[in-house]
Protein backbone atom coordinates (compact mmCIF):
# COMPACT_ATOMS: atom_id res chain seq x y z
CA MET A 1 192.25 0.85 144.81
CA PRO A 2 193.46 3.00 141.70
CA ASP A 3 195.56 1.47 138.95
CA ALA A 4 198.67 3.40 140.00
CA ALA A 5 198.48 2.15 143.50
CA LEU A 6 197.97 -1.43 142.50
CA THR A 7 200.92 -1.24 140.15
CA LEU A 8 203.21 0.14 142.97
CA VAL A 9 201.81 -2.74 145.32
CA ALA A 10 203.08 -5.15 142.76
CA ARG A 11 206.39 -3.38 142.70
CA GLY A 12 206.70 -3.73 146.35
CA VAL A 13 205.99 -7.42 146.20
CA ARG A 14 208.56 -7.80 143.52
CA GLN A 15 210.94 -6.00 145.86
CA ASN A 16 210.18 -8.53 148.55
CA ARG A 17 211.11 -11.40 146.20
CA ARG A 18 214.40 -9.75 145.24
CA ASN A 19 215.38 -8.99 148.67
CA PRO A 20 215.45 -12.43 150.42
CA ASP A 21 217.33 -11.02 153.46
CA ALA A 22 214.52 -8.83 154.25
CA LEU A 23 211.93 -11.32 153.60
CA LEU A 24 213.55 -13.94 155.71
CA THR A 25 213.89 -11.34 158.64
CA ALA A 26 210.16 -10.55 158.37
CA MET A 27 209.16 -14.24 158.06
CA VAL A 28 211.63 -16.53 159.85
CA LEU A 29 212.73 -14.25 162.84
CA PRO A 30 209.23 -14.33 164.43
CA VAL A 31 209.15 -18.16 163.99
CA MET A 32 212.51 -18.50 165.53
CA LEU A 33 211.47 -16.31 168.45
CA MET A 34 208.37 -18.44 168.98
CA LEU A 35 210.46 -21.58 169.05
CA ILE A 36 212.95 -20.12 171.48
CA PHE A 37 210.05 -18.90 173.86
CA VAL A 38 208.25 -22.21 173.63
CA TYR A 39 211.07 -24.55 174.00
CA PHE A 40 213.65 -22.61 176.05
CA PHE A 41 211.63 -20.63 178.38
CA GLY A 42 208.07 -22.02 178.02
CA GLY A 43 208.67 -24.72 180.68
CA ALA A 44 209.55 -22.15 183.33
CA ILE A 45 206.61 -19.77 182.67
CA ASP A 46 203.29 -20.18 184.52
CA THR A 47 200.71 -18.29 182.42
CA GLY A 48 197.92 -19.12 185.00
CA THR A 49 195.84 -20.77 182.24
CA PRO A 50 195.09 -24.35 181.48
CA THR A 51 196.41 -23.99 177.84
CA SER A 52 199.76 -24.87 176.61
CA TYR A 53 202.42 -22.19 176.50
CA VAL A 54 202.53 -22.34 172.52
CA THR A 55 198.75 -21.67 172.53
CA TYR A 56 199.32 -18.74 174.81
CA VAL A 57 202.14 -17.10 172.97
CA VAL A 58 200.90 -17.32 169.45
CA PRO A 59 198.92 -13.95 169.49
CA GLY A 60 202.09 -12.13 170.68
CA VAL A 61 204.23 -13.67 167.91
CA LEU A 62 201.68 -12.57 165.36
CA LEU A 63 202.02 -8.95 166.49
CA LEU A 64 205.90 -9.47 166.28
CA CYS A 65 205.39 -10.35 162.71
CA ALA A 66 203.56 -7.05 162.13
CA GLY A 67 206.46 -5.08 163.86
CA PHE A 68 209.12 -6.72 161.80
CA GLY A 69 207.26 -6.43 158.51
CA ALA A 70 206.66 -2.68 159.44
CA SER A 71 210.29 -2.16 159.79
CA THR A 72 210.97 -3.30 156.40
CA THR A 73 208.29 -0.80 155.11
CA ALA A 74 209.94 2.19 156.67
CA VAL A 75 213.31 1.31 155.15
CA ARG A 76 211.75 0.96 151.68
CA VAL A 77 210.00 4.36 151.99
CA SER A 78 213.31 6.00 153.08
CA GLU A 79 215.32 4.24 150.21
CA ASP A 80 212.87 5.56 147.58
CA MET A 81 213.08 9.17 148.99
CA ARG A 82 216.84 9.06 149.00
CA ALA A 83 217.11 7.40 145.60
CA GLY A 84 215.02 9.97 143.73
CA ILE A 85 212.50 7.37 142.39
CA VAL A 86 209.73 9.43 143.83
CA ASP A 87 210.63 12.42 141.55
CA ARG A 88 210.23 9.88 138.68
CA PHE A 89 206.94 8.79 139.83
CA ARG A 90 205.70 12.23 140.21
CA SER A 91 206.79 13.07 136.71
CA LEU A 92 204.52 10.44 135.50
CA ASP A 93 201.70 11.77 137.35
CA VAL A 94 201.51 9.33 140.12
CA GLY A 95 200.19 10.92 143.32
CA PRO A 96 201.57 10.69 146.95
CA THR A 97 198.67 8.59 148.07
CA ALA A 98 199.31 5.91 145.41
CA ILE A 99 203.17 5.95 146.10
CA LEU A 100 202.58 5.40 149.89
CA ALA A 101 199.70 3.01 149.43
CA GLY A 102 202.03 0.89 147.27
CA HIS A 103 204.34 0.47 150.17
CA VAL A 104 201.60 -0.20 152.68
CA GLY A 105 200.05 -2.75 150.33
CA ALA A 106 203.38 -4.65 150.02
CA SER A 107 203.66 -4.52 153.78
CA VAL A 108 200.22 -6.17 154.26
CA ALA A 109 201.10 -8.89 151.63
CA ARG A 110 204.38 -9.63 153.36
CA ASN A 111 202.48 -9.88 156.68
CA VAL A 112 200.05 -12.24 155.30
CA LEU A 113 202.76 -14.62 154.34
CA SER A 114 204.47 -14.32 157.73
CA THR A 115 201.23 -14.88 159.64
CA ALA A 116 200.42 -17.94 157.66
CA LEU A 117 204.00 -19.29 158.38
CA VAL A 118 203.69 -18.59 161.96
CA LEU A 119 200.30 -20.28 162.29
CA GLY A 120 201.51 -23.35 160.36
CA VAL A 121 204.44 -23.80 162.55
CA ALA A 122 202.57 -23.18 165.68
CA TYR A 123 200.12 -25.92 164.62
CA LEU A 124 202.81 -28.30 163.97
CA ILE A 125 204.23 -27.85 167.62
CA GLY A 126 200.88 -28.01 169.50
CA PHE A 127 198.84 -24.81 168.78
CA ARG A 128 195.20 -25.92 168.87
CA PRO A 129 192.69 -23.02 168.38
CA GLN A 130 189.10 -23.54 169.50
CA ALA A 131 187.65 -20.81 167.31
CA GLY A 132 184.67 -21.12 165.06
CA PRO A 133 184.39 -19.50 161.69
CA ALA A 134 182.96 -16.29 163.10
CA ALA A 135 185.66 -16.00 165.74
CA TRP A 136 188.40 -16.70 163.13
CA ALA A 137 186.99 -14.21 160.95
CA ALA A 138 186.84 -11.50 163.72
CA ALA A 139 190.41 -12.43 164.80
CA LEU A 140 191.92 -12.16 161.28
CA GLY A 141 189.98 -8.97 160.59
CA LEU A 142 191.34 -7.38 163.87
CA LEU A 143 194.86 -8.44 162.95
CA PHE A 144 194.57 -7.01 159.44
CA ALA A 145 193.50 -3.65 161.06
CA PHE A 146 196.42 -3.68 163.23
CA VAL A 147 198.90 -4.54 160.49
CA LEU A 148 197.38 -1.74 158.23
CA ALA A 149 197.72 0.69 161.04
CA VAL A 150 201.39 -0.13 161.80
CA SER A 151 202.18 -0.24 158.02
CA TRP A 152 200.93 3.41 157.62
CA LEU A 153 202.75 4.47 160.82
CA SER A 154 205.88 2.84 159.40
CA ALA A 155 205.54 4.72 156.11
CA ALA A 156 205.34 7.95 158.16
CA ALA A 157 208.50 6.87 160.04
CA GLY A 158 210.22 6.27 156.61
CA LEU A 159 209.43 9.73 155.56
CA LEU A 160 210.57 11.28 158.75
CA ALA A 161 213.94 9.48 158.72
CA ARG A 162 216.70 10.97 156.69
CA SER A 163 218.36 7.65 155.89
CA PRO A 164 217.25 3.92 155.63
CA GLU A 165 219.37 3.17 158.71
CA ALA A 166 217.47 5.76 160.84
CA ALA A 167 214.14 4.48 159.53
CA GLY A 168 214.97 1.11 160.73
CA GLY A 169 215.74 2.56 164.14
CA PHE A 170 212.37 4.53 164.26
CA THR A 171 210.48 1.36 163.91
CA PHE A 172 212.37 -0.36 166.88
CA LEU A 173 209.47 0.83 169.01
CA MET A 174 206.84 -1.14 167.17
CA MET A 175 209.06 -4.22 167.33
CA PHE A 176 209.53 -3.77 171.18
CA LEU A 177 206.05 -3.14 172.29
CA PRO A 178 204.84 -6.73 172.42
CA TYR A 179 207.50 -7.38 175.15
CA PRO A 180 206.05 -5.21 177.78
CA SER A 181 202.61 -6.55 177.37
CA SER A 182 200.58 -9.73 177.98
CA ALA A 183 202.24 -11.38 174.88
CA PHE A 184 204.63 -13.77 176.51
CA VAL A 185 203.99 -13.66 180.29
CA PRO A 186 200.98 -12.34 182.25
CA ILE A 187 201.18 -8.70 183.26
CA ASP A 188 200.60 -9.54 186.94
CA THR A 189 204.22 -11.23 186.94
CA MET A 190 205.72 -7.85 185.90
CA PRO A 191 206.98 -5.17 188.40
CA GLY A 192 204.21 -3.18 189.65
CA TRP A 193 205.45 0.12 188.17
CA LEU A 194 205.23 -1.54 184.67
CA HIS A 195 201.49 -2.56 184.91
CA GLY A 196 199.80 0.73 183.90
CA PHE A 197 201.89 0.90 180.73
CA ALA A 198 201.53 -2.76 179.93
CA GLU A 199 197.92 -2.92 180.42
CA HIS A 200 197.11 0.25 178.49
CA GLN A 201 199.46 0.31 175.57
CA PRO A 202 198.03 -0.49 172.08
CA VAL A 203 199.15 -4.11 171.44
CA THR A 204 197.87 -5.50 174.74
CA PRO A 205 194.18 -5.30 173.76
CA VAL A 206 194.92 -6.72 170.26
CA ILE A 207 196.76 -9.59 171.93
CA GLU A 208 194.04 -10.27 174.63
CA SER A 209 191.30 -10.17 171.83
CA LEU A 210 193.17 -12.52 169.53
CA ARG A 211 193.89 -14.93 172.43
CA GLY A 212 190.25 -14.89 173.51
CA LEU A 213 188.78 -15.25 169.98
CA LEU A 214 191.25 -18.04 168.97
CA LEU A 215 190.53 -20.05 172.20
CA ASP A 216 186.84 -19.37 172.40
CA GLN A 217 187.14 -17.50 175.65
CA PRO A 218 185.37 -14.42 176.99
CA VAL A 219 187.07 -11.27 175.50
CA GLY A 220 185.21 -8.45 177.46
CA ASP A 221 185.73 -5.14 175.86
CA ALA A 222 189.33 -5.92 174.63
CA PRO A 223 188.13 -5.94 170.88
CA TRP A 224 186.48 -2.63 171.15
CA THR A 225 189.58 -1.15 172.77
CA ALA A 226 191.73 -2.76 170.18
CA LEU A 227 189.67 -1.37 167.30
CA ALA A 228 189.66 2.14 168.80
CA TRP A 229 193.60 1.95 168.87
CA CYS A 230 193.66 0.72 165.26
CA ALA A 231 191.06 3.34 164.09
CA GLY A 232 192.99 6.18 165.90
CA LEU A 233 196.25 5.02 164.29
CA LEU A 234 194.47 4.83 160.85
CA LEU A 235 193.20 8.31 161.13
CA LEU A 236 196.47 9.74 162.34
CA ALA A 237 199.26 7.87 160.35
CA PRO A 238 197.95 8.41 156.79
CA ALA A 239 197.48 12.10 157.58
CA LEU A 240 200.90 12.35 159.04
CA ALA A 241 202.53 10.46 156.18
CA ALA A 242 200.85 12.78 153.55
CA THR A 243 202.06 15.90 155.45
CA LEU A 244 205.61 14.55 155.82
CA PHE A 245 205.55 13.51 152.06
CA ARG A 246 204.44 17.10 150.96
CA ALA A 247 207.20 18.53 153.18
CA ARG A 248 209.90 16.23 151.73
CA THR A 249 208.91 16.74 148.08
CA ARG A 250 208.14 20.51 148.08
C-alpha cells in the first residue's frame, strides 16, 4: 500500500481513538446484542441443531460487527467531504484512491478489534468452535473479504450522502441484512414469502460458511457463493466510490 494510504489509515485509527462513542458503538453494541439474543431469546429458539444457541448465533453477530463498523466509515467519509479536508489532501498531491483506502483501512482495523472482542466474550459464555487451523484461516479470510467489501460500499455511501446524518442512514441496510437471514433463527421458521430473499441475500452464504467452518461441519457450496458476493462487491464498490469521488470533487 502506498505511503499516503498508510498515513491516512493511521489518521483513521487515531480518529477511532479520539471518538470513543463511535468506537463503543462498533465494538460494544454487537456484544450487547449477542448477550440479549443468547440470554433473553436463546432459550425459546429451536435452531434444529445439537449446538448451543451461542455457538449458532456467533457468525451472525460477527457480520453485525461489520455492519456497525461500516456505518462509521460512511459517516467519516461524509464528514471529510463536508469539512473541506479533502481539498487540503488534494493540494498535497494525495490521490483519491489513497484518501478512500485510508478510510477503508481504518474500518478494517476497527472490525478486527470488534471481531476479537465478540469472539472473546462468546468463548466466555460457552462458544466452543471445533475448527482446525485450516478452517480457522478459511473462516477469517472469508470474514476479512466481507468486511473489506462492505467497507468500500460504505465509503461509496459516504460519498453519495450529502450529510453525515444521511450517510448513517444509507448504511442502515447493511446493519439490517443479518436479521432476515439464518443469523439468529433458521430460515425455515420465517414466513414463506421471506424465504427467497433470506436464502439468496449476500450475508446468508457468509454466515452459513462461517458456521460450518467454525463447527467443522459440511459447508457445501456456501463458501464459493459467499466469495462470489464479496468479489462482486469488491469489483463494484471501489469503482463506484472512485466515480462518486470524482463527481464530488470536480
